[in-house]
Amino acid sequence: NLVHLTPQEKIAAFISVKSFDAGRYVLLATRKGIVKKTEISNFANPRTAGIIALGVEDDDALIEAVLTAGKDEVLLGTKEGMAIHFAEEDVRPMGRAAYGVKGIELEKTDDVVGVEVVSAGGTVLTLTSNGYGKRTTIDEYRLQSRGGKGIIDIKTTERNGPVVGVKFLRGDEQVMLITEKGMIIRLNTAVISTIGRNTQGVRLIHLEEGDHLVSV
C-alpha cells in the first residue's frame, strides 16, 4: 500500500524520477482543462497519507502528470478531437495546494484525455475508441496562448469514435494499445500513416463486437 486513498479516489498518474532537483517541474492536467505547474522539489518529503498535489473542483479530476524542464512546450488533447499547443512558460509555477489555470477552453460535452511535452521534429499520435489512429507532424499544431479553444486534432465520428489517447513521438517508437476487454496489440509507429489534422485516421486494430480501445 503506497498511498492511502479515499473510497472515491483512484491513481491517475505516476512518474519515475531519480532526484527532486530544483529547476524541474511536474505539470498536472485535469479532465476539465485545468493545468498546474509545481517545482518537483515540493514533492521531496512525502507522507504515508500522501501530500496535496492539486486542488480539484468537485466536478473535475486529475487525468495526467508529466515532467517538464521549465521552458518546454505542451500539447493538450481532448475527447472530441481538439488540441492546444502552448509554451510551458504560459503557466507560472504554483504551490501544491493551488487549483491551477485554464489550459484549454472546452465545449460542455468535451474532456481532456491527454497531455504531452512536445518539441520540433516529432509527430502527434492520436488514437480513438473504435481502433483508429493517425500521426500528424507537430508543425501542424501552431503555438497558441494557453486557455484558448485550440484547433482540430482529429475528426471524431461514429465510425472512429472519441479520442482515448494522445502521445508525442520523437521518432519511430513502439506503442501498446489496450482494449476494454483486455486485449493488447503492440505496434511500431512507423507503420502508422502521417496525415493531416482534420482527418479520421486509419484502422489500427480490429476489435471484437462490443470492445473498445481504452488506453495507449
N, C-alpha and C. Protein backbone atom coordinates (compact mmCIF):
# COMPACT_ATOMS: atom_id res chain seq x y z
N ASN A 1 0.86 -1.19 0.00
CA ASN A 1 0.00 0.00 0.00
C ASN A 1 0.89 1.23 0.00
N LEU A 2 0.99 1.89 -1.15
CA LEU A 2 1.92 3.02 -1.28
C LEU A 2 1.31 4.34 -0.82
N VAL A 3 0.00 4.49 -0.99
CA VAL A 3 -0.66 5.73 -0.58
C VAL A 3 -2.09 5.40 -0.19
N HIS A 4 -2.56 6.01 0.88
CA HIS A 4 -3.92 5.74 1.35
C HIS A 4 -4.92 6.55 0.53
N LEU A 5 -5.92 5.89 -0.04
CA LEU A 5 -6.92 6.52 -0.88
C LEU A 5 -8.27 6.52 -0.19
N THR A 6 -9.07 7.56 -0.47
CA THR A 6 -10.46 7.56 -0.02
C THR A 6 -11.25 6.61 -0.92
N PRO A 7 -12.45 6.17 -0.51
CA PRO A 7 -13.21 5.20 -1.33
C PRO A 7 -13.51 5.69 -2.75
N GLN A 8 -13.62 7.01 -2.97
CA GLN A 8 -13.95 7.54 -4.30
C GLN A 8 -12.71 7.87 -5.13
N GLU A 9 -11.53 7.60 -4.60
CA GLU A 9 -10.30 8.05 -5.23
C GLU A 9 -9.58 6.90 -5.93
N LYS A 10 -8.85 7.22 -7.01
CA LYS A 10 -8.03 6.21 -7.69
C LYS A 10 -6.77 6.88 -8.23
N ILE A 11 -5.74 6.08 -8.50
CA ILE A 11 -4.50 6.60 -9.06
C ILE A 11 -4.75 7.09 -10.48
N ALA A 12 -4.29 8.30 -10.78
CA ALA A 12 -4.48 8.88 -12.12
C ALA A 12 -3.18 8.91 -12.92
N ALA A 13 -2.04 8.99 -12.25
CA ALA A 13 -0.76 9.09 -12.96
C ALA A 13 0.37 8.73 -12.03
N PHE A 14 1.47 8.23 -12.61
CA PHE A 14 2.69 8.06 -11.83
C PHE A 14 3.88 8.40 -12.70
N ILE A 15 4.94 8.93 -12.07
CA ILE A 15 6.13 9.35 -12.78
C ILE A 15 7.36 8.78 -12.05
N SER A 16 8.30 8.26 -12.81
CA SER A 16 9.56 7.78 -12.24
C SER A 16 10.58 8.92 -12.26
N VAL A 17 11.16 9.23 -11.10
CA VAL A 17 12.18 10.28 -11.03
C VAL A 17 13.38 9.77 -10.24
N LYS A 18 14.57 10.23 -10.61
CA LYS A 18 15.79 9.83 -9.90
C LYS A 18 16.13 10.78 -8.77
N SER A 19 15.70 12.03 -8.89
CA SER A 19 16.00 13.03 -7.86
C SER A 19 14.96 14.13 -7.92
N PHE A 20 14.93 14.94 -6.86
CA PHE A 20 13.96 16.04 -6.76
C PHE A 20 14.70 17.38 -6.86
N ASP A 21 15.52 17.51 -7.90
CA ASP A 21 16.35 18.70 -8.06
C ASP A 21 15.52 19.93 -8.42
N ALA A 22 15.97 21.09 -7.97
CA ALA A 22 15.33 22.35 -8.31
C ALA A 22 15.46 22.60 -9.81
N GLY A 23 14.47 23.33 -10.37
CA GLY A 23 14.51 23.66 -11.79
C GLY A 23 13.76 22.69 -12.68
N ARG A 24 13.21 21.63 -12.09
CA ARG A 24 12.36 20.71 -12.85
C ARG A 24 10.95 20.79 -12.25
N TYR A 25 9.96 20.49 -13.08
CA TYR A 25 8.58 20.71 -12.67
C TYR A 25 7.70 19.49 -12.97
N VAL A 26 6.61 19.39 -12.22
CA VAL A 26 5.54 18.46 -12.53
C VAL A 26 4.38 19.29 -13.08
N LEU A 27 3.96 18.99 -14.31
CA LEU A 27 2.81 19.66 -14.91
C LEU A 27 1.62 18.73 -14.81
N LEU A 28 0.57 19.18 -14.15
CA LEU A 28 -0.65 18.39 -13.94
C LEU A 28 -1.76 18.90 -14.85
N ALA A 29 -2.59 18.01 -15.36
CA ALA A 29 -3.72 18.40 -16.20
C ALA A 29 -4.97 17.69 -15.72
N THR A 30 -6.11 18.39 -15.75
CA THR A 30 -7.37 17.80 -15.32
C THR A 30 -8.32 17.59 -16.50
N ARG A 31 -9.33 16.81 -16.24
CA ARG A 31 -10.34 16.48 -17.26
C ARG A 31 -11.02 17.72 -17.81
N LYS A 32 -11.19 18.75 -16.99
CA LYS A 32 -11.88 19.97 -17.41
C LYS A 32 -10.94 21.03 -17.97
N GLY A 33 -9.70 20.66 -18.26
CA GLY A 33 -8.81 21.58 -18.96
C GLY A 33 -7.96 22.48 -18.09
N ILE A 34 -7.89 22.21 -16.79
CA ILE A 34 -7.05 22.99 -15.89
C ILE A 34 -5.64 22.40 -15.88
N VAL A 35 -4.62 23.28 -15.91
CA VAL A 35 -3.24 22.83 -15.82
C VAL A 35 -2.55 23.56 -14.66
N LYS A 36 -1.57 22.87 -14.08
CA LYS A 36 -0.82 23.48 -12.98
C LYS A 36 0.61 22.96 -13.00
N LYS A 37 1.56 23.85 -12.74
CA LYS A 37 2.98 23.50 -12.73
C LYS A 37 3.54 23.77 -11.34
N THR A 38 4.20 22.75 -10.78
CA THR A 38 4.79 22.86 -9.45
C THR A 38 6.21 22.32 -9.49
N GLU A 39 7.15 23.03 -8.87
CA GLU A 39 8.53 22.55 -8.84
C GLU A 39 8.60 21.20 -8.15
N ILE A 40 9.35 20.27 -8.73
CA ILE A 40 9.36 18.90 -8.24
C ILE A 40 9.93 18.80 -6.82
N SER A 41 10.75 19.77 -6.43
CA SER A 41 11.32 19.74 -5.07
C SER A 41 10.24 19.84 -4.00
N ASN A 42 9.04 20.35 -4.37
CA ASN A 42 7.94 20.43 -3.40
C ASN A 42 7.37 19.06 -3.04
N PHE A 43 7.78 18.02 -3.79
CA PHE A 43 7.27 16.68 -3.52
C PHE A 43 8.34 15.78 -2.90
N ALA A 44 9.44 16.38 -2.42
CA ALA A 44 10.58 15.60 -1.95
C ALA A 44 10.35 14.95 -0.59
N ASN A 45 9.36 15.39 0.15
CA ASN A 45 9.14 14.84 1.51
C ASN A 45 7.72 14.30 1.64
N PRO A 46 7.45 13.13 1.05
CA PRO A 46 6.09 12.57 1.11
C PRO A 46 5.75 12.04 2.49
N ARG A 47 4.47 11.92 2.76
CA ARG A 47 3.98 11.32 4.00
C ARG A 47 3.23 10.04 3.65
N THR A 48 3.04 9.18 4.63
CA THR A 48 2.37 7.90 4.36
C THR A 48 0.94 8.12 3.88
N ALA A 49 0.32 9.22 4.29
CA ALA A 49 -1.04 9.52 3.85
C ALA A 49 -1.05 10.29 2.53
N GLY A 50 0.14 10.54 1.95
CA GLY A 50 0.22 11.34 0.73
C GLY A 50 0.25 12.82 1.05
N ILE A 51 0.58 13.64 0.05
CA ILE A 51 0.56 15.09 0.20
C ILE A 51 -0.24 15.69 -0.95
N ILE A 52 -0.81 16.85 -0.72
CA ILE A 52 -1.63 17.50 -1.75
C ILE A 52 -0.76 17.88 -2.94
N ALA A 53 -1.24 17.54 -4.15
CA ALA A 53 -0.55 17.92 -5.37
C ALA A 53 -1.33 18.96 -6.16
N LEU A 54 -2.65 19.02 -5.93
CA LEU A 54 -3.52 19.87 -6.75
C LEU A 54 -4.87 20.02 -6.06
N GLY A 55 -5.38 21.25 -6.01
CA GLY A 55 -6.76 21.45 -5.60
C GLY A 55 -7.67 21.18 -6.78
N VAL A 56 -8.70 20.35 -6.60
CA VAL A 56 -9.57 19.94 -7.70
C VAL A 56 -11.03 20.24 -7.37
N GLU A 57 -11.76 20.85 -8.32
CA GLU A 57 -13.18 21.09 -8.13
C GLU A 57 -13.94 19.76 -8.08
N ASP A 58 -15.15 19.78 -7.49
CA ASP A 58 -15.93 18.55 -7.30
C ASP A 58 -16.27 17.85 -8.61
N ASP A 59 -16.47 18.62 -9.70
CA ASP A 59 -16.86 18.01 -10.97
C ASP A 59 -15.66 17.74 -11.88
N ASP A 60 -14.45 17.81 -11.33
CA ASP A 60 -13.24 17.65 -12.13
C ASP A 60 -12.40 16.52 -11.55
N ALA A 61 -11.33 16.14 -12.25
CA ALA A 61 -10.43 15.09 -11.78
C ALA A 61 -9.10 15.20 -12.49
N LEU A 62 -8.01 14.87 -11.80
CA LEU A 62 -6.70 14.81 -12.43
C LEU A 62 -6.67 13.66 -13.43
N ILE A 63 -6.09 13.89 -14.61
CA ILE A 63 -6.01 12.80 -15.60
C ILE A 63 -4.57 12.42 -15.95
N GLU A 64 -3.62 13.34 -15.77
CA GLU A 64 -2.25 13.02 -16.21
C GLU A 64 -1.26 13.97 -15.56
N ALA A 65 -0.01 13.53 -15.47
CA ALA A 65 1.09 14.35 -14.97
C ALA A 65 2.32 14.08 -15.82
N VAL A 66 3.07 15.14 -16.15
CA VAL A 66 4.30 14.99 -16.93
C VAL A 66 5.40 15.82 -16.30
N LEU A 67 6.65 15.42 -16.54
CA LEU A 67 7.81 16.18 -16.08
C LEU A 67 8.20 17.21 -17.13
N THR A 68 8.55 18.41 -16.69
CA THR A 68 8.98 19.46 -17.61
C THR A 68 10.26 20.12 -17.09
N ALA A 69 10.90 20.87 -17.98
CA ALA A 69 12.17 21.50 -17.64
C ALA A 69 12.07 23.01 -17.47
N GLY A 70 10.86 23.55 -17.53
CA GLY A 70 10.67 24.98 -17.32
C GLY A 70 10.46 25.78 -18.59
N LYS A 71 11.03 25.33 -19.70
CA LYS A 71 10.90 26.05 -20.97
C LYS A 71 10.41 25.13 -22.09
N ASP A 72 9.70 24.08 -21.73
CA ASP A 72 9.19 23.12 -22.72
C ASP A 72 7.92 23.65 -23.39
N GLU A 73 7.43 22.87 -24.36
CA GLU A 73 6.13 23.14 -24.98
C GLU A 73 5.20 21.97 -24.66
N VAL A 74 3.91 22.27 -24.55
CA VAL A 74 2.93 21.30 -24.07
C VAL A 74 1.78 21.20 -25.06
N LEU A 75 1.24 19.99 -25.21
CA LEU A 75 0.05 19.78 -26.05
C LEU A 75 -1.02 19.09 -25.21
N LEU A 76 -2.23 19.65 -25.19
CA LEU A 76 -3.39 19.00 -24.57
C LEU A 76 -4.29 18.47 -25.66
N GLY A 77 -4.77 17.23 -25.53
CA GLY A 77 -5.71 16.65 -26.48
C GLY A 77 -7.02 16.31 -25.81
N THR A 78 -8.14 16.45 -26.54
CA THR A 78 -9.45 16.24 -25.94
C THR A 78 -10.21 15.08 -26.58
N LYS A 79 -11.23 14.64 -25.87
CA LYS A 79 -12.07 13.51 -26.28
C LYS A 79 -12.75 13.74 -27.62
N GLU A 80 -13.14 14.99 -27.89
CA GLU A 80 -13.84 15.31 -29.13
C GLU A 80 -12.91 15.77 -30.25
N GLY A 81 -11.61 15.53 -30.08
CA GLY A 81 -10.69 15.75 -31.18
C GLY A 81 -10.09 17.13 -31.31
N MET A 82 -10.07 17.91 -30.24
CA MET A 82 -9.42 19.21 -30.26
C MET A 82 -8.05 19.11 -29.58
N ALA A 83 -7.18 20.07 -29.87
CA ALA A 83 -5.86 20.10 -29.24
C ALA A 83 -5.39 21.54 -29.13
N ILE A 84 -4.57 21.80 -28.12
CA ILE A 84 -3.95 23.12 -27.99
C ILE A 84 -2.48 22.92 -27.66
N HIS A 85 -1.62 23.71 -28.32
CA HIS A 85 -0.17 23.65 -28.20
C HIS A 85 0.29 24.98 -27.65
N PHE A 86 0.89 24.99 -26.47
CA PHE A 86 1.30 26.25 -25.86
C PHE A 86 2.63 26.09 -25.13
N ALA A 87 3.26 27.22 -24.84
CA ALA A 87 4.54 27.22 -24.14
C ALA A 87 4.31 26.98 -22.65
N GLU A 88 5.14 26.12 -22.08
CA GLU A 88 5.05 25.85 -20.64
C GLU A 88 5.18 27.13 -19.82
N GLU A 89 5.94 28.10 -20.32
CA GLU A 89 6.13 29.36 -19.59
C GLU A 89 4.84 30.16 -19.44
N ASP A 90 3.78 29.80 -20.21
CA ASP A 90 2.46 30.42 -20.02
C ASP A 90 1.83 30.03 -18.69
N VAL A 91 2.36 28.99 -18.05
CA VAL A 91 1.83 28.51 -16.77
C VAL A 91 2.88 28.82 -15.69
N ARG A 92 2.57 29.76 -14.83
CA ARG A 92 3.54 30.12 -13.78
C ARG A 92 3.60 29.02 -12.72
N PRO A 93 4.75 28.83 -12.08
CA PRO A 93 4.85 27.83 -11.01
C PRO A 93 3.94 28.19 -9.84
N MET A 94 3.31 27.18 -9.25
CA MET A 94 2.38 27.37 -8.12
C MET A 94 2.68 26.36 -7.02
N GLY A 95 2.17 26.63 -5.84
CA GLY A 95 2.30 25.72 -4.72
C GLY A 95 1.44 24.47 -4.89
N ARG A 96 1.65 23.49 -4.02
CA ARG A 96 0.97 22.21 -4.17
C ARG A 96 -0.56 22.31 -4.03
N ALA A 97 -1.05 23.19 -3.19
CA ALA A 97 -2.49 23.25 -2.92
C ALA A 97 -3.27 24.11 -3.90
N ALA A 98 -2.59 24.78 -4.83
CA ALA A 98 -3.27 25.67 -5.77
C ALA A 98 -4.14 24.88 -6.75
N TYR A 99 -5.12 25.57 -7.37
CA TYR A 99 -6.05 24.95 -8.30
C TYR A 99 -5.59 24.98 -9.74
N GLY A 100 -4.61 25.79 -10.06
CA GLY A 100 -4.14 25.85 -11.43
C GLY A 100 -4.88 26.88 -12.26
N VAL A 101 -4.61 26.86 -13.58
CA VAL A 101 -5.17 27.83 -14.51
C VAL A 101 -5.74 27.09 -15.72
N LYS A 102 -6.52 27.79 -16.53
CA LYS A 102 -7.16 27.16 -17.68
C LYS A 102 -6.13 26.88 -18.77
N GLY A 103 -6.04 25.62 -19.18
CA GLY A 103 -5.15 25.25 -20.27
C GLY A 103 -5.85 25.30 -21.61
N ILE A 104 -7.13 24.88 -21.63
CA ILE A 104 -7.92 24.88 -22.85
C ILE A 104 -9.37 25.14 -22.49
N GLU A 105 -10.06 25.89 -23.35
CA GLU A 105 -11.50 26.14 -23.16
C GLU A 105 -12.26 25.03 -23.89
N LEU A 106 -13.05 24.28 -23.13
CA LEU A 106 -13.74 23.10 -23.66
C LEU A 106 -15.21 23.38 -23.93
N GLU A 107 -15.76 22.66 -24.93
CA GLU A 107 -17.21 22.59 -25.07
C GLU A 107 -17.77 21.81 -23.88
N LYS A 108 -19.06 21.98 -23.58
CA LYS A 108 -19.64 21.37 -22.39
C LYS A 108 -19.53 19.85 -22.38
N THR A 109 -19.55 19.22 -23.58
CA THR A 109 -19.52 17.77 -23.66
C THR A 109 -18.10 17.20 -23.78
N ASP A 110 -17.08 18.06 -23.81
CA ASP A 110 -15.73 17.61 -24.08
C ASP A 110 -14.92 17.47 -22.79
N ASP A 111 -13.87 16.65 -22.84
CA ASP A 111 -12.94 16.45 -21.73
C ASP A 111 -11.53 16.33 -22.28
N VAL A 112 -10.54 16.73 -21.48
CA VAL A 112 -9.14 16.49 -21.83
C VAL A 112 -8.82 15.02 -21.58
N VAL A 113 -8.12 14.37 -22.52
CA VAL A 113 -7.76 12.96 -22.36
C VAL A 113 -6.25 12.75 -22.32
N GLY A 114 -5.45 13.78 -22.64
CA GLY A 114 -4.01 13.60 -22.63
C GLY A 114 -3.25 14.89 -22.60
N VAL A 115 -2.05 14.85 -22.01
CA VAL A 115 -1.12 15.98 -22.03
C VAL A 115 0.26 15.43 -22.35
N GLU A 116 0.97 16.08 -23.26
CA GLU A 116 2.28 15.64 -23.68
C GLU A 116 3.24 16.81 -23.79
N VAL A 117 4.49 16.58 -23.41
CA VAL A 117 5.57 17.53 -23.69
C VAL A 117 6.02 17.29 -25.13
N VAL A 118 6.05 18.35 -25.95
CA VAL A 118 6.34 18.20 -27.38
C VAL A 118 7.52 19.07 -27.77
N SER A 119 8.08 18.78 -28.96
CA SER A 119 9.20 19.56 -29.47
C SER A 119 9.23 19.43 -30.98
N ALA A 120 10.02 20.29 -31.62
CA ALA A 120 10.10 20.31 -33.08
C ALA A 120 10.59 18.97 -33.62
N GLY A 121 10.05 18.58 -34.78
CA GLY A 121 10.51 17.39 -35.47
C GLY A 121 9.76 16.12 -35.20
N GLY A 122 8.88 16.13 -34.20
CA GLY A 122 8.14 14.92 -33.86
C GLY A 122 6.75 14.89 -34.46
N THR A 123 6.00 13.84 -34.11
CA THR A 123 4.62 13.70 -34.58
C THR A 123 3.70 13.43 -33.40
N VAL A 124 2.44 13.81 -33.57
CA VAL A 124 1.41 13.57 -32.56
C VAL A 124 0.61 12.34 -32.98
N LEU A 125 0.60 11.33 -32.13
CA LEU A 125 -0.17 10.11 -32.36
C LEU A 125 -1.50 10.24 -31.62
N THR A 126 -2.61 10.12 -32.37
CA THR A 126 -3.94 10.21 -31.78
C THR A 126 -4.69 8.91 -32.03
N LEU A 127 -5.27 8.34 -30.97
CA LEU A 127 -6.00 7.06 -31.05
C LEU A 127 -7.44 7.26 -30.62
N THR A 128 -8.37 6.55 -31.27
CA THR A 128 -9.78 6.66 -30.93
C THR A 128 -10.34 5.31 -30.47
N SER A 129 -11.52 5.36 -29.85
CA SER A 129 -12.06 4.19 -29.17
C SER A 129 -12.39 3.02 -30.10
N ASN A 130 -12.66 3.30 -31.37
CA ASN A 130 -13.00 2.22 -32.30
C ASN A 130 -11.77 1.64 -33.01
N GLY A 131 -10.57 1.95 -32.50
CA GLY A 131 -9.36 1.35 -33.03
C GLY A 131 -8.72 2.10 -34.17
N TYR A 132 -9.08 3.35 -34.38
CA TYR A 132 -8.50 4.16 -35.44
C TYR A 132 -7.40 5.06 -34.86
N GLY A 133 -6.49 5.48 -35.73
CA GLY A 133 -5.45 6.38 -35.28
C GLY A 133 -4.69 6.99 -36.44
N LYS A 134 -3.84 7.96 -36.11
CA LYS A 134 -3.01 8.61 -37.13
C LYS A 134 -1.88 9.36 -36.45
N ARG A 135 -0.87 9.66 -37.25
CA ARG A 135 0.19 10.56 -36.81
C ARG A 135 0.08 11.86 -37.59
N THR A 136 0.36 12.97 -36.94
CA THR A 136 0.37 14.28 -37.60
C THR A 136 1.60 15.04 -37.12
N THR A 137 2.32 15.67 -38.03
CA THR A 137 3.53 16.38 -37.63
C THR A 137 3.19 17.52 -36.68
N ILE A 138 4.06 17.75 -35.70
CA ILE A 138 3.81 18.79 -34.71
C ILE A 138 3.75 20.17 -35.36
N ASP A 139 4.35 20.33 -36.55
CA ASP A 139 4.31 21.62 -37.25
C ASP A 139 2.89 22.06 -37.57
N GLU A 140 1.95 21.10 -37.65
CA GLU A 140 0.56 21.45 -37.98
C GLU A 140 -0.21 22.01 -36.78
N TYR A 141 0.40 21.95 -35.60
CA TYR A 141 -0.24 22.47 -34.39
C TYR A 141 0.46 23.77 -34.01
N ARG A 142 -0.04 24.88 -34.50
CA ARG A 142 0.64 26.15 -34.26
C ARG A 142 0.67 26.46 -32.76
N LEU A 143 1.71 27.13 -32.34
CA LEU A 143 1.85 27.53 -30.95
C LEU A 143 0.82 28.61 -30.64
N GLN A 144 0.01 28.38 -29.62
CA GLN A 144 -1.05 29.32 -29.23
C GLN A 144 -0.87 29.76 -27.79
N SER A 145 -1.68 30.70 -27.37
CA SER A 145 -1.68 31.10 -25.96
C SER A 145 -2.52 30.11 -25.17
N ARG A 146 -2.09 29.84 -23.95
CA ARG A 146 -2.84 28.96 -23.06
C ARG A 146 -4.26 29.50 -22.84
N GLY A 147 -5.23 28.60 -22.74
CA GLY A 147 -6.59 28.99 -22.38
C GLY A 147 -7.54 29.17 -23.55
N GLY A 148 -7.06 29.02 -24.79
CA GLY A 148 -7.94 29.15 -25.95
C GLY A 148 -8.68 27.85 -26.25
N LYS A 149 -9.45 27.87 -27.34
CA LYS A 149 -10.23 26.69 -27.73
C LYS A 149 -9.40 25.65 -28.47
N GLY A 150 -8.21 26.03 -28.93
CA GLY A 150 -7.37 25.10 -29.65
C GLY A 150 -7.80 24.92 -31.10
N ILE A 151 -7.29 23.86 -31.74
CA ILE A 151 -7.59 23.57 -33.13
C ILE A 151 -7.94 22.09 -33.26
N ILE A 152 -8.48 21.71 -34.42
CA ILE A 152 -8.87 20.31 -34.64
C ILE A 152 -7.61 19.43 -34.68
N ASP A 153 -7.64 18.34 -33.91
CA ASP A 153 -6.58 17.35 -33.91
C ASP A 153 -6.96 16.15 -34.78
N ILE A 154 -8.21 15.71 -34.65
CA ILE A 154 -8.72 14.59 -35.44
C ILE A 154 -10.23 14.76 -35.58
N LYS A 155 -10.77 14.33 -36.70
CA LYS A 155 -12.21 14.41 -36.90
C LYS A 155 -12.85 13.18 -36.26
N THR A 156 -13.63 13.38 -35.19
CA THR A 156 -14.28 12.26 -34.50
C THR A 156 -15.69 12.07 -35.03
N THR A 157 -16.03 10.81 -35.36
CA THR A 157 -17.34 10.45 -35.91
C THR A 157 -17.80 9.15 -35.26
N GLU A 158 -19.00 8.68 -35.62
CA GLU A 158 -19.45 7.38 -35.13
C GLU A 158 -18.53 6.27 -35.62
N ARG A 159 -17.93 6.47 -36.79
CA ARG A 159 -17.06 5.45 -37.37
C ARG A 159 -15.80 5.22 -36.53
N ASN A 160 -15.11 6.30 -36.16
CA ASN A 160 -13.85 6.10 -35.43
C ASN A 160 -13.98 6.28 -33.92
N GLY A 161 -15.02 7.00 -33.46
CA GLY A 161 -15.26 7.14 -32.03
C GLY A 161 -14.47 8.27 -31.40
N PRO A 162 -14.68 8.52 -30.10
CA PRO A 162 -13.98 9.59 -29.40
C PRO A 162 -12.50 9.25 -29.18
N VAL A 163 -11.72 10.28 -28.95
CA VAL A 163 -10.28 10.11 -28.69
C VAL A 163 -10.07 9.49 -27.31
N VAL A 164 -9.17 8.49 -27.25
CA VAL A 164 -8.84 7.86 -25.96
C VAL A 164 -7.39 8.10 -25.56
N GLY A 165 -6.55 8.56 -26.50
CA GLY A 165 -5.15 8.79 -26.15
C GLY A 165 -4.44 9.66 -27.16
N VAL A 166 -3.54 10.50 -26.65
CA VAL A 166 -2.69 11.36 -27.48
C VAL A 166 -1.26 11.20 -26.97
N LYS A 167 -0.34 10.82 -27.86
CA LYS A 167 1.06 10.65 -27.46
C LYS A 167 1.97 11.38 -28.44
N PHE A 168 3.07 11.94 -27.93
CA PHE A 168 4.05 12.60 -28.79
C PHE A 168 5.18 11.64 -29.09
N LEU A 169 5.50 11.49 -30.38
CA LEU A 169 6.54 10.58 -30.83
C LEU A 169 7.74 11.37 -31.35
N ARG A 170 8.91 11.05 -30.85
CA ARG A 170 10.13 11.74 -31.30
C ARG A 170 10.80 11.01 -32.47
N GLY A 171 10.28 9.84 -32.81
CA GLY A 171 10.82 9.06 -33.92
C GLY A 171 9.89 7.89 -34.16
N ASP A 172 10.42 6.82 -34.73
CA ASP A 172 9.62 5.61 -34.91
C ASP A 172 9.70 4.79 -33.63
N GLU A 173 8.71 4.96 -32.78
CA GLU A 173 8.67 4.29 -31.48
C GLU A 173 7.65 3.15 -31.52
N GLN A 174 7.63 2.36 -30.44
CA GLN A 174 6.64 1.30 -30.33
C GLN A 174 5.60 1.68 -29.28
N VAL A 175 4.36 1.32 -29.55
CA VAL A 175 3.27 1.61 -28.62
C VAL A 175 2.47 0.34 -28.37
N MET A 176 1.80 0.30 -27.23
CA MET A 176 0.89 -0.80 -26.91
C MET A 176 -0.51 -0.23 -26.79
N LEU A 177 -1.45 -0.81 -27.52
CA LEU A 177 -2.85 -0.41 -27.47
C LEU A 177 -3.61 -1.43 -26.62
N ILE A 178 -4.40 -0.95 -25.69
CA ILE A 178 -5.09 -1.82 -24.74
C ILE A 178 -6.60 -1.60 -24.86
N THR A 179 -7.37 -2.70 -24.93
CA THR A 179 -8.81 -2.58 -25.11
C THR A 179 -9.56 -2.85 -23.81
N GLU A 180 -10.84 -2.48 -23.84
CA GLU A 180 -11.72 -2.62 -22.68
C GLU A 180 -11.79 -4.07 -22.19
N LYS A 181 -11.74 -5.02 -23.12
CA LYS A 181 -11.85 -6.44 -22.77
C LYS A 181 -10.48 -7.10 -22.53
N GLY A 182 -9.44 -6.28 -22.41
CA GLY A 182 -8.15 -6.80 -22.02
C GLY A 182 -7.26 -7.30 -23.13
N MET A 183 -7.57 -6.96 -24.38
CA MET A 183 -6.71 -7.33 -25.50
C MET A 183 -5.61 -6.27 -25.66
N ILE A 184 -4.43 -6.72 -26.09
CA ILE A 184 -3.31 -5.81 -26.28
C ILE A 184 -2.68 -6.04 -27.65
N ILE A 185 -2.35 -4.98 -28.35
CA ILE A 185 -1.61 -5.08 -29.60
C ILE A 185 -0.42 -4.14 -29.51
N ARG A 186 0.73 -4.63 -29.95
CA ARG A 186 1.96 -3.83 -29.95
C ARG A 186 2.27 -3.43 -31.38
N LEU A 187 2.49 -2.14 -31.59
CA LEU A 187 2.72 -1.61 -32.94
C LEU A 187 4.00 -0.81 -33.01
N ASN A 188 4.69 -0.90 -34.14
CA ASN A 188 5.75 0.04 -34.45
C ASN A 188 5.08 1.23 -35.14
N THR A 189 5.27 2.42 -34.62
CA THR A 189 4.56 3.59 -35.16
C THR A 189 4.98 3.94 -36.58
N ALA A 190 6.07 3.33 -37.08
CA ALA A 190 6.48 3.59 -38.46
C ALA A 190 5.42 3.14 -39.46
N VAL A 191 4.55 2.18 -39.05
CA VAL A 191 3.52 1.68 -39.98
C VAL A 191 2.26 2.54 -39.95
N ILE A 192 2.19 3.52 -39.06
CA ILE A 192 1.00 4.36 -38.94
C ILE A 192 1.14 5.57 -39.86
N SER A 193 0.13 5.81 -40.67
CA SER A 193 0.17 6.90 -41.65
C SER A 193 0.34 8.26 -40.96
N THR A 194 1.16 9.12 -41.58
CA THR A 194 1.28 10.51 -41.15
C THR A 194 0.41 11.36 -42.07
N ILE A 195 -0.69 11.88 -41.53
CA ILE A 195 -1.67 12.61 -42.33
C ILE A 195 -2.07 13.89 -41.59
N GLY A 196 -2.93 14.69 -42.22
CA GLY A 196 -3.31 15.98 -41.67
C GLY A 196 -4.18 15.89 -40.43
N ARG A 197 -4.42 17.05 -39.82
CA ARG A 197 -5.18 17.11 -38.59
C ARG A 197 -6.66 16.77 -38.80
N ASN A 198 -7.29 17.38 -39.79
CA ASN A 198 -8.74 17.28 -39.96
C ASN A 198 -9.12 16.02 -40.76
N THR A 199 -8.71 14.85 -40.23
CA THR A 199 -8.99 13.56 -40.86
C THR A 199 -9.41 12.57 -39.78
N GLN A 200 -9.94 11.41 -40.19
CA GLN A 200 -10.44 10.43 -39.22
C GLN A 200 -9.40 9.39 -38.83
N GLY A 201 -8.27 9.34 -39.52
CA GLY A 201 -7.29 8.32 -39.23
C GLY A 201 -7.61 7.02 -39.95
N VAL A 202 -6.80 5.98 -39.68
CA VAL A 202 -6.97 4.67 -40.31
C VAL A 202 -7.12 3.61 -39.22
N ARG A 203 -7.69 2.47 -39.58
CA ARG A 203 -7.90 1.41 -38.59
C ARG A 203 -6.55 0.79 -38.20
N LEU A 204 -6.27 0.76 -36.90
CA LEU A 204 -5.02 0.20 -36.40
C LEU A 204 -5.21 -1.14 -35.71
N ILE A 205 -6.40 -1.41 -35.22
CA ILE A 205 -6.68 -2.65 -34.50
C ILE A 205 -8.10 -3.07 -34.80
N HIS A 206 -8.31 -4.35 -35.12
CA HIS A 206 -9.65 -4.89 -35.34
C HIS A 206 -10.20 -5.37 -34.00
N LEU A 207 -11.31 -4.79 -33.60
CA LEU A 207 -11.88 -5.07 -32.28
C LEU A 207 -13.02 -6.06 -32.38
N GLU A 208 -13.18 -6.87 -31.32
CA GLU A 208 -14.34 -7.75 -31.23
C GLU A 208 -15.60 -6.93 -31.03
N GLU A 209 -16.74 -7.54 -31.32
CA GLU A 209 -18.03 -6.87 -31.10
C GLU A 209 -18.14 -6.40 -29.66
N GLY A 210 -18.43 -5.12 -29.48
CA GLY A 210 -18.62 -4.57 -28.14
C GLY A 210 -17.34 -4.13 -27.44
N ASP A 211 -16.17 -4.37 -28.04
CA ASP A 211 -14.91 -3.97 -27.43
C ASP A 211 -14.50 -2.58 -27.92
N HIS A 212 -13.73 -1.88 -27.11
CA HIS A 212 -13.25 -0.54 -27.47
C HIS A 212 -11.82 -0.34 -26.98
N LEU A 213 -11.09 0.49 -27.69
CA LEU A 213 -9.75 0.87 -27.24
C LEU A 213 -9.91 1.82 -26.06
N VAL A 214 -9.12 1.61 -25.01
CA VAL A 214 -9.24 2.46 -23.81
C VAL A 214 -7.94 3.16 -23.44
N SER A 215 -6.79 2.64 -23.92
CA SER A 215 -5.54 3.23 -23.49
C SER A 215 -4.44 2.96 -24.49
N VAL A 216 -3.45 3.84 -24.52
CA VAL A 216 -2.27 3.63 -25.35
C VAL A 216 -1.03 3.95 -24.51
